[in-house]
């Protein structure tokens, strides 16, 4: 059988996705650089994964709640401050923070060193939110609080003005 014939045969094993160092989709949002490692297209939209580098003294998004997805953060280096309701948690390298739907949260790098974290989104719908924010900036428009809120709303997310 020729190689061409073999490649056109139906696959019986699942396809494997491999994203090497320096590969993946890059999204830059101010002082945060995100590398999308999996946008859900290889997981049946069950899971998305991104690596984010937060520059020193980077403020995160406004405190918010997700209505339809869990969000996980694994700190690879540095320290990230998570605010959950009115409680602050400083998460150092090696710390995992899991945020279930409905939980008010935000994060920031309040230190003098960069911080790197791996984020998971289950299901994957929130990756498009970051793409939308990048489009706002690429279009020369300012990333106002209202623009951020409008983008969040498209992905079952709302600002958390009270720590419910």
N, C-alpha and C. Protein backbone atom coordinates (compact mmCIF):
# COMPACT_ATOMS: atom_id res chain seq x y z
N UNK A 1 0.85 -1.18 0.00
CA UNK A 1 0.00 0.00 0.00
C UNK A 1 0.90 1.24 0.00
N UNK A 2 0.54 2.24 -0.78
CA UNK A 2 1.35 3.46 -0.86
C UNK A 2 1.09 4.35 0.35
N UNK A 3 1.99 5.29 0.58
CA UNK A 3 1.82 6.25 1.69
C UNK A 3 0.55 7.07 1.51
N UNK A 4 0.25 7.44 0.24
CA UNK A 4 -0.96 8.22 -0.02
C UNK A 4 -2.21 7.44 0.38
N UNK A 5 -2.23 6.16 0.06
CA UNK A 5 -3.39 5.34 0.41
C UNK A 5 -3.52 5.22 1.92
N UNK A 6 -2.40 5.05 2.61
CA UNK A 6 -2.44 4.93 4.07
C UNK A 6 -2.99 6.20 4.72
N UNK A 7 -2.59 7.38 4.23
CA UNK A 7 -3.00 8.62 4.86
C UNK A 7 -4.48 8.92 4.63
N UNK A 8 -5.10 8.32 3.60
CA UNK A 8 -6.51 8.59 3.34
C UNK A 8 -7.43 7.61 4.06
N UNK A 9 -6.85 6.59 4.69
CA UNK A 9 -7.67 5.65 5.43
C UNK A 9 -8.19 6.29 6.70
N UNK A 10 -9.39 5.88 7.14
CA UNK A 10 -9.92 6.45 8.39
C UNK A 10 -9.02 6.12 9.56
N UNK A 11 -8.90 7.08 10.47
CA UNK A 11 -8.09 6.87 11.68
C UNK A 11 -8.89 6.11 12.70
N UNK A 12 -8.26 5.16 13.36
CA UNK A 12 -8.93 4.44 14.43
C UNK A 12 -8.44 4.92 15.79
N UNK A 13 -7.32 5.66 15.82
CA UNK A 13 -6.82 6.19 17.08
C UNK A 13 -7.08 7.71 17.10
N UNK A 14 -7.20 8.31 18.29
CA UNK A 14 -7.46 9.75 18.34
C UNK A 14 -6.24 10.54 17.86
N UNK A 15 -6.51 11.68 17.26
CA UNK A 15 -5.44 12.57 16.83
C UNK A 15 -4.77 13.17 18.06
N UNK A 16 -3.50 13.37 17.99
CA UNK A 16 -2.74 13.94 19.10
C UNK A 16 -2.32 15.34 18.70
N UNK A 17 -2.47 16.26 19.61
CA UNK A 17 -2.05 17.64 19.38
C UNK A 17 -0.77 17.89 20.16
N UNK A 18 0.24 18.40 19.49
CA UNK A 18 1.51 18.72 20.13
C UNK A 18 1.82 20.18 19.83
N UNK A 19 2.01 20.98 20.88
CA UNK A 19 2.36 22.39 20.73
C UNK A 19 3.72 22.57 21.39
N UNK A 20 4.72 22.83 20.57
CA UNK A 20 6.08 22.94 21.08
C UNK A 20 6.38 24.32 21.66
N UNK A 21 7.54 24.44 22.30
CA UNK A 21 7.95 25.73 22.85
C UNK A 21 7.97 26.79 21.74
N UNK A 22 7.43 27.94 22.05
CA UNK A 22 7.39 29.02 21.07
C UNK A 22 6.25 28.92 20.07
N UNK A 23 5.49 27.83 20.09
CA UNK A 23 4.35 27.68 19.20
C UNK A 23 3.06 28.02 19.94
N UNK A 24 1.98 28.01 19.24
CA UNK A 24 0.69 28.37 19.80
C UNK A 24 0.32 29.79 19.41
N UNK A 25 -0.92 30.11 19.60
CA UNK A 25 -1.44 31.44 19.27
C UNK A 25 -1.04 32.42 20.37
N UNK A 26 -0.49 33.58 19.99
CA UNK A 26 -0.09 34.59 20.97
C UNK A 26 -1.12 35.71 21.00
N UNK A 27 -1.55 36.05 22.20
CA UNK A 27 -2.47 37.16 22.42
C UNK A 27 -1.79 38.10 23.40
N UNK A 28 -1.66 39.37 23.01
CA UNK A 28 -1.03 40.37 23.88
C UNK A 28 -2.09 41.36 24.32
N UNK A 29 -2.25 41.47 25.64
CA UNK A 29 -3.22 42.39 26.22
C UNK A 29 -2.48 43.29 27.20
N UNK A 30 -2.00 44.40 26.73
CA UNK A 30 -1.24 45.31 27.58
C UNK A 30 0.03 44.64 28.06
N UNK A 31 0.17 44.53 29.39
CA UNK A 31 1.38 43.95 29.98
C UNK A 31 1.27 42.44 30.19
N UNK A 32 0.23 41.84 29.64
CA UNK A 32 0.05 40.38 29.73
C UNK A 32 0.20 39.77 28.35
N UNK A 33 1.04 38.71 28.29
CA UNK A 33 1.20 37.96 27.04
C UNK A 33 0.69 36.54 27.27
N UNK A 34 -0.27 36.15 26.45
CA UNK A 34 -0.88 34.83 26.58
C UNK A 34 -0.51 33.99 25.36
N UNK A 35 -0.20 32.73 25.63
CA UNK A 35 0.05 31.77 24.55
C UNK A 35 -1.00 30.69 24.67
N UNK A 36 -1.90 30.63 23.70
CA UNK A 36 -2.96 29.63 23.70
C UNK A 36 -2.35 28.31 23.24
N UNK A 37 -2.36 27.34 24.14
CA UNK A 37 -1.80 26.02 23.84
C UNK A 37 -2.86 25.08 23.28
N UNK A 38 -4.07 25.25 23.73
CA UNK A 38 -5.21 24.46 23.25
C UNK A 38 -6.45 25.34 23.32
N UNK A 39 -7.08 25.58 22.18
CA UNK A 39 -8.26 26.45 22.17
C UNK A 39 -9.57 25.68 22.23
N UNK A 40 -9.48 24.38 22.40
CA UNK A 40 -10.66 23.53 22.46
C UNK A 40 -10.91 22.77 21.18
N UNK A 41 -10.20 23.13 20.11
CA UNK A 41 -10.45 22.48 18.83
C UNK A 41 -9.97 21.02 18.80
N UNK A 42 -9.09 20.63 19.70
CA UNK A 42 -8.62 19.24 19.76
C UNK A 42 -9.22 18.45 20.91
N UNK A 43 -10.09 19.10 21.69
CA UNK A 43 -10.66 18.43 22.88
C UNK A 43 -12.18 18.35 22.83
N UNK A 44 -12.75 18.53 21.66
CA UNK A 44 -14.21 18.53 21.58
C UNK A 44 -14.79 19.71 22.35
N UNK A 45 -14.01 20.76 22.51
CA UNK A 45 -14.40 21.99 23.22
C UNK A 45 -14.64 21.76 24.71
N UNK A 46 -14.10 20.68 25.25
CA UNK A 46 -14.23 20.40 26.68
C UNK A 46 -13.20 21.15 27.50
N UNK A 47 -12.04 21.48 26.90
CA UNK A 47 -10.93 22.05 27.66
C UNK A 47 -10.11 22.97 26.77
N UNK A 48 -9.70 24.12 27.33
CA UNK A 48 -8.74 25.01 26.69
C UNK A 48 -7.63 25.27 27.70
N UNK A 49 -6.42 25.52 27.19
CA UNK A 49 -5.26 25.74 28.06
C UNK A 49 -4.45 26.90 27.50
N UNK A 50 -4.02 27.79 28.38
CA UNK A 50 -3.18 28.92 27.96
C UNK A 50 -2.10 29.18 28.99
N UNK A 51 -0.96 29.64 28.51
CA UNK A 51 0.13 30.07 29.37
C UNK A 51 0.15 31.60 29.33
N UNK A 52 0.18 32.23 30.49
CA UNK A 52 0.19 33.70 30.54
C UNK A 52 1.40 34.19 31.31
N UNK A 53 2.02 35.23 30.77
CA UNK A 53 3.12 35.91 31.44
C UNK A 53 2.60 37.28 31.85
N UNK A 54 2.59 37.51 33.17
CA UNK A 54 2.15 38.79 33.71
C UNK A 54 3.39 39.60 34.09
N UNK A 55 3.55 40.74 33.47
CA UNK A 55 4.69 41.61 33.79
C UNK A 55 4.55 42.08 35.24
N UNK A 56 5.64 42.54 35.85
CA UNK A 56 5.55 43.09 37.21
C UNK A 56 4.49 44.20 37.28
N UNK A 57 3.78 44.22 38.38
CA UNK A 57 2.76 45.24 38.67
C UNK A 57 1.65 45.27 37.63
N UNK A 58 1.24 44.10 37.16
CA UNK A 58 0.14 43.98 36.21
C UNK A 58 -1.17 43.76 36.95
N UNK A 59 -2.11 44.65 36.70
CA UNK A 59 -3.45 44.46 37.25
C UNK A 59 -4.21 43.52 36.32
N UNK A 60 -4.99 42.67 36.90
CA UNK A 60 -5.79 41.73 36.11
C UNK A 60 -7.12 42.33 35.73
N UNK A 61 -8.04 41.48 35.33
CA UNK A 61 -9.37 41.95 34.94
C UNK A 61 -10.16 42.41 36.16
N UNK A 62 -11.26 43.12 35.93
CA UNK A 62 -12.12 43.43 37.07
C UNK A 62 -12.64 42.13 37.68
N UNK A 63 -12.92 42.16 38.97
CA UNK A 63 -13.46 40.94 39.61
C UNK A 63 -14.73 40.54 38.87
N UNK A 64 -14.86 39.23 38.59
CA UNK A 64 -15.95 38.75 37.76
C UNK A 64 -16.35 37.33 38.16
N UNK A 65 -17.49 36.90 37.59
CA UNK A 65 -18.01 35.54 37.80
C UNK A 65 -18.27 34.91 36.44
N UNK A 66 -17.90 33.64 36.31
CA UNK A 66 -18.22 32.88 35.09
C UNK A 66 -19.47 32.07 35.36
N UNK A 67 -20.39 32.09 34.42
CA UNK A 67 -21.63 31.37 34.59
C UNK A 67 -21.57 29.94 34.09
N UNK A 68 -20.63 29.64 33.19
CA UNK A 68 -20.67 28.33 32.55
C UNK A 68 -19.35 27.59 32.49
N UNK A 69 -18.30 28.10 33.09
CA UNK A 69 -17.05 27.34 33.01
C UNK A 69 -16.21 27.48 34.27
N UNK A 70 -15.47 26.41 34.53
CA UNK A 70 -14.46 26.42 35.58
C UNK A 70 -13.20 27.03 35.00
N UNK A 71 -12.41 27.67 35.88
CA UNK A 71 -11.15 28.24 35.45
C UNK A 71 -10.09 27.79 36.45
N UNK A 72 -8.99 27.30 35.93
CA UNK A 72 -7.90 26.86 36.79
C UNK A 72 -6.64 27.64 36.49
N UNK A 73 -5.83 27.86 37.52
CA UNK A 73 -4.57 28.59 37.37
C UNK A 73 -3.48 27.83 38.11
N UNK A 74 -2.44 27.42 37.39
CA UNK A 74 -1.29 26.78 38.01
C UNK A 74 -0.12 27.74 37.85
N UNK A 75 0.47 28.16 38.96
CA UNK A 75 1.55 29.15 38.93
C UNK A 75 2.86 28.42 38.64
N UNK A 76 3.48 28.77 37.51
CA UNK A 76 4.74 28.16 37.09
C UNK A 76 5.94 28.89 37.68
N UNK A 77 5.86 30.23 37.76
CA UNK A 77 6.94 31.01 38.36
C UNK A 77 6.37 32.35 38.85
N UNK A 78 7.06 32.93 39.82
CA UNK A 78 6.61 34.18 40.39
C UNK A 78 5.48 33.96 41.38
N UNK A 79 4.77 35.04 41.68
CA UNK A 79 3.65 35.01 42.61
C UNK A 79 2.50 35.80 42.02
N UNK A 80 1.31 35.24 42.06
CA UNK A 80 0.11 35.90 41.56
C UNK A 80 -0.85 36.07 42.73
N UNK A 81 -1.38 37.29 42.88
CA UNK A 81 -2.36 37.54 43.94
C UNK A 81 -3.75 37.33 43.35
N UNK A 82 -4.49 36.40 43.97
CA UNK A 82 -5.88 36.14 43.60
C UNK A 82 -6.76 36.81 44.63
N UNK A 83 -7.77 37.51 44.16
CA UNK A 83 -8.78 38.08 45.04
C UNK A 83 -10.07 37.34 44.75
N UNK A 84 -10.60 36.71 45.78
CA UNK A 84 -11.83 35.94 45.68
C UNK A 84 -12.80 36.57 46.66
N UNK A 85 -13.79 37.29 46.11
CA UNK A 85 -14.66 38.07 46.98
C UNK A 85 -13.83 39.16 47.63
N UNK A 86 -13.74 39.14 48.96
CA UNK A 86 -12.93 40.15 49.65
C UNK A 86 -11.68 39.55 50.29
N UNK A 87 -11.32 38.32 49.87
CA UNK A 87 -10.14 37.64 50.40
C UNK A 87 -9.02 37.63 49.37
N UNK A 88 -7.80 37.92 49.81
CA UNK A 88 -6.62 37.86 48.95
C UNK A 88 -5.82 36.61 49.26
N UNK A 89 -5.30 35.97 48.20
CA UNK A 89 -4.45 34.79 48.32
C UNK A 89 -3.23 35.02 47.44
N UNK A 90 -2.04 34.96 48.01
CA UNK A 90 -0.82 35.07 47.22
C UNK A 90 -0.38 33.66 46.85
N UNK A 91 -0.43 33.36 45.55
CA UNK A 91 -0.13 32.02 45.05
C UNK A 91 1.27 32.02 44.44
N UNK A 92 2.17 31.30 45.08
CA UNK A 92 3.55 31.19 44.61
C UNK A 92 3.67 30.03 43.63
N UNK A 93 4.82 29.92 42.99
CA UNK A 93 5.08 28.83 42.05
C UNK A 93 4.74 27.48 42.69
N UNK A 94 4.06 26.64 41.93
CA UNK A 94 3.65 25.33 42.42
C UNK A 94 2.24 25.31 42.99
N UNK A 95 1.56 26.45 43.01
CA UNK A 95 0.21 26.55 43.57
C UNK A 95 -0.82 26.40 42.46
N UNK A 96 -1.89 25.66 42.75
CA UNK A 96 -3.03 25.52 41.85
C UNK A 96 -4.22 26.23 42.47
N UNK A 97 -4.87 27.07 41.70
CA UNK A 97 -6.10 27.75 42.13
C UNK A 97 -7.20 27.34 41.17
N UNK A 98 -8.27 26.75 41.68
CA UNK A 98 -9.42 26.35 40.86
C UNK A 98 -10.60 27.24 41.23
N UNK A 99 -11.24 27.82 40.23
CA UNK A 99 -12.36 28.73 40.43
C UNK A 99 -13.59 28.14 39.75
N UNK A 100 -14.59 27.70 40.54
CA UNK A 100 -15.79 27.14 39.94
C UNK A 100 -16.73 28.24 39.43
N UNK A 101 -17.68 27.88 38.57
CA UNK A 101 -18.64 28.87 38.09
C UNK A 101 -19.32 29.58 39.26
N UNK A 102 -19.57 30.87 39.07
CA UNK A 102 -20.29 31.66 40.06
C UNK A 102 -19.43 32.29 41.13
N UNK A 103 -18.14 31.95 41.19
CA UNK A 103 -17.26 32.47 42.23
C UNK A 103 -16.61 33.78 41.78
N UNK A 104 -16.78 34.87 42.55
CA UNK A 104 -16.15 36.14 42.16
C UNK A 104 -14.65 36.05 42.33
N UNK A 105 -13.91 36.50 41.32
CA UNK A 105 -12.45 36.40 41.39
C UNK A 105 -11.77 37.37 40.43
N UNK A 106 -10.52 37.64 40.72
CA UNK A 106 -9.61 38.34 39.82
C UNK A 106 -8.20 37.97 40.24
N UNK A 107 -7.23 38.45 39.51
CA UNK A 107 -5.83 38.17 39.84
C UNK A 107 -4.98 39.33 39.38
N UNK A 108 -3.78 39.43 39.94
CA UNK A 108 -2.83 40.48 39.58
C UNK A 108 -1.43 40.03 39.96
N UNK A 109 -0.44 40.63 39.32
CA UNK A 109 0.94 40.44 39.74
C UNK A 109 1.35 41.74 40.42
N UNK A 110 1.40 41.71 41.74
CA UNK A 110 1.73 42.93 42.51
C UNK A 110 3.21 42.98 42.87
N UNK A 111 4.00 42.05 42.33
CA UNK A 111 5.42 41.97 42.68
C UNK A 111 6.29 42.69 41.65
N UNK A 112 7.59 42.71 41.94
CA UNK A 112 8.58 43.32 41.04
C UNK A 112 9.14 42.34 40.02
N UNK A 113 8.64 41.09 40.02
CA UNK A 113 9.12 40.05 39.10
C UNK A 113 7.98 39.58 38.20
N UNK A 114 8.28 39.13 36.99
CA UNK A 114 7.22 38.56 36.14
C UNK A 114 6.66 37.30 36.79
N UNK A 115 5.44 36.98 36.45
CA UNK A 115 4.80 35.75 36.93
C UNK A 115 4.27 35.01 35.70
N UNK A 116 4.39 33.69 35.74
CA UNK A 116 3.92 32.86 34.64
C UNK A 116 2.93 31.85 35.20
N UNK A 117 1.78 31.74 34.54
CA UNK A 117 0.78 30.77 35.00
C UNK A 117 0.17 30.04 33.81
N UNK A 118 -0.26 28.83 34.08
CA UNK A 118 -0.95 28.00 33.12
C UNK A 118 -2.42 28.04 33.51
N UNK A 119 -3.29 28.40 32.57
CA UNK A 119 -4.72 28.49 32.86
C UNK A 119 -5.49 27.44 32.08
N UNK A 120 -6.53 26.90 32.72
CA UNK A 120 -7.43 25.97 32.06
C UNK A 120 -8.83 26.55 32.08
N UNK A 121 -9.58 26.25 31.03
CA UNK A 121 -10.96 26.69 30.91
C UNK A 121 -11.78 25.48 30.51
N UNK A 122 -12.74 25.09 31.35
CA UNK A 122 -13.57 23.93 31.04
C UNK A 122 -15.04 24.31 31.17
N UNK A 123 -15.79 24.32 30.08
CA UNK A 123 -15.35 24.10 28.71
C UNK A 123 -14.53 25.29 28.19
N UNK A 124 -14.22 25.25 26.92
CA UNK A 124 -13.25 26.16 26.31
C UNK A 124 -13.75 27.55 25.96
N UNK A 125 -15.01 27.88 26.18
CA UNK A 125 -15.59 29.08 25.59
C UNK A 125 -14.87 30.38 25.91
N UNK A 126 -14.11 30.47 26.98
CA UNK A 126 -13.55 31.77 27.38
C UNK A 126 -12.32 32.19 26.57
N UNK A 127 -11.71 31.30 25.81
CA UNK A 127 -10.56 31.69 25.00
C UNK A 127 -10.95 32.80 24.02
N UNK A 128 -12.15 32.73 23.47
CA UNK A 128 -12.58 33.74 22.51
C UNK A 128 -12.68 35.13 23.15
N UNK A 129 -12.95 35.19 24.44
CA UNK A 129 -12.98 36.48 25.16
C UNK A 129 -11.64 37.20 25.00
N UNK A 130 -10.55 36.48 25.17
CA UNK A 130 -9.22 37.10 25.05
C UNK A 130 -8.96 37.54 23.61
N UNK A 131 -9.42 36.77 22.66
CA UNK A 131 -9.29 37.16 21.25
C UNK A 131 -10.08 38.45 20.99
N UNK A 132 -11.27 38.53 21.56
CA UNK A 132 -12.10 39.73 21.40
C UNK A 132 -11.41 40.97 21.97
N UNK A 133 -10.79 40.83 23.15
CA UNK A 133 -10.08 41.97 23.74
C UNK A 133 -8.91 42.40 22.86
N UNK A 134 -8.20 41.43 22.32
CA UNK A 134 -7.08 41.76 21.43
C UNK A 134 -7.59 42.51 20.19
N UNK A 135 -8.76 42.12 19.67
CA UNK A 135 -9.34 42.82 18.51
C UNK A 135 -9.66 44.26 18.85
N UNK A 136 -10.16 44.53 20.05
CA UNK A 136 -10.45 45.90 20.47
C UNK A 136 -9.16 46.71 20.40
N UNK A 137 -8.09 46.20 20.98
CA UNK A 137 -6.81 46.91 20.98
C UNK A 137 -6.25 47.05 19.57
N UNK A 138 -6.33 46.00 18.78
CA UNK A 138 -5.81 46.04 17.41
C UNK A 138 -6.56 47.04 16.55
N UNK A 139 -7.83 47.26 16.87
CA UNK A 139 -8.64 48.22 16.14
C UNK A 139 -8.40 49.65 16.58
N UNK A 140 -7.44 49.85 17.50
CA UNK A 140 -7.11 51.19 17.94
C UNK A 140 -8.07 51.76 18.97
N UNK A 141 -8.96 50.93 19.46
CA UNK A 141 -9.91 51.39 20.47
C UNK A 141 -9.34 51.13 21.85
N UNK A 142 -9.67 51.97 22.82
CA UNK A 142 -9.17 51.73 24.17
C UNK A 142 -9.92 50.57 24.82
N UNK A 143 -9.23 49.86 25.67
CA UNK A 143 -9.86 48.75 26.40
C UNK A 143 -10.49 49.33 27.66
N UNK A 144 -11.64 49.93 27.49
CA UNK A 144 -12.35 50.57 28.60
C UNK A 144 -13.01 49.51 29.48
N UNK A 145 -13.37 49.87 30.71
CA UNK A 145 -14.12 48.92 31.54
C UNK A 145 -15.39 48.43 30.85
N UNK A 146 -16.09 49.32 30.12
CA UNK A 146 -17.31 48.90 29.44
C UNK A 146 -17.02 47.93 28.30
N UNK A 147 -15.94 48.16 27.56
CA UNK A 147 -15.57 47.22 26.49
C UNK A 147 -15.26 45.85 27.07
N UNK A 148 -14.60 45.82 28.22
CA UNK A 148 -14.29 44.56 28.89
C UNK A 148 -15.57 43.86 29.34
N UNK A 149 -16.49 44.61 29.94
CA UNK A 149 -17.76 44.05 30.41
C UNK A 149 -18.57 43.51 29.23
N UNK A 150 -18.58 44.25 28.12
CA UNK A 150 -19.32 43.80 26.93
C UNK A 150 -18.75 42.49 26.41
N UNK A 151 -17.41 42.38 26.37
CA UNK A 151 -16.79 41.13 25.91
C UNK A 151 -17.09 39.99 26.87
N UNK A 152 -17.02 40.24 28.17
CA UNK A 152 -17.32 39.19 29.15
C UNK A 152 -18.74 38.65 28.97
N UNK A 153 -19.68 39.56 28.73
CA UNK A 153 -21.09 39.16 28.63
C UNK A 153 -21.32 38.17 27.50
N UNK A 154 -20.53 38.25 26.45
CA UNK A 154 -20.68 37.31 25.33
C UNK A 154 -20.31 35.88 25.71
N UNK A 155 -19.63 35.71 26.85
CA UNK A 155 -19.14 34.39 27.27
C UNK A 155 -19.61 34.03 28.67
N UNK A 156 -20.88 34.36 28.95
CA UNK A 156 -21.53 33.98 30.21
C UNK A 156 -20.73 34.40 31.43
N UNK A 157 -20.20 35.62 31.38
CA UNK A 157 -19.40 36.16 32.48
C UNK A 157 -19.90 37.56 32.78
N UNK A 158 -19.91 37.91 34.08
CA UNK A 158 -20.38 39.23 34.48
C UNK A 158 -19.47 39.79 35.56
N UNK A 159 -19.43 41.11 35.68
CA UNK A 159 -18.65 41.71 36.76
C UNK A 159 -19.23 41.27 38.12
N UNK A 160 -18.36 41.17 39.10
CA UNK A 160 -18.79 40.81 40.46
C UNK A 160 -18.63 42.06 41.32
N UNK A 161 -19.67 42.85 41.37
CA UNK A 161 -19.57 44.10 42.13
C UNK A 161 -19.76 43.87 43.61
N UNK A 162 -20.28 42.70 43.97
CA UNK A 162 -20.40 42.32 45.38
C UNK A 162 -19.90 40.90 45.52
N UNK A 163 -19.25 40.56 46.62
CA UNK A 163 -18.70 39.20 46.78
C UNK A 163 -19.75 38.18 47.20
N UNK A 164 -20.68 37.87 46.30
CA UNK A 164 -21.81 36.96 46.61
C UNK A 164 -21.38 35.59 47.03
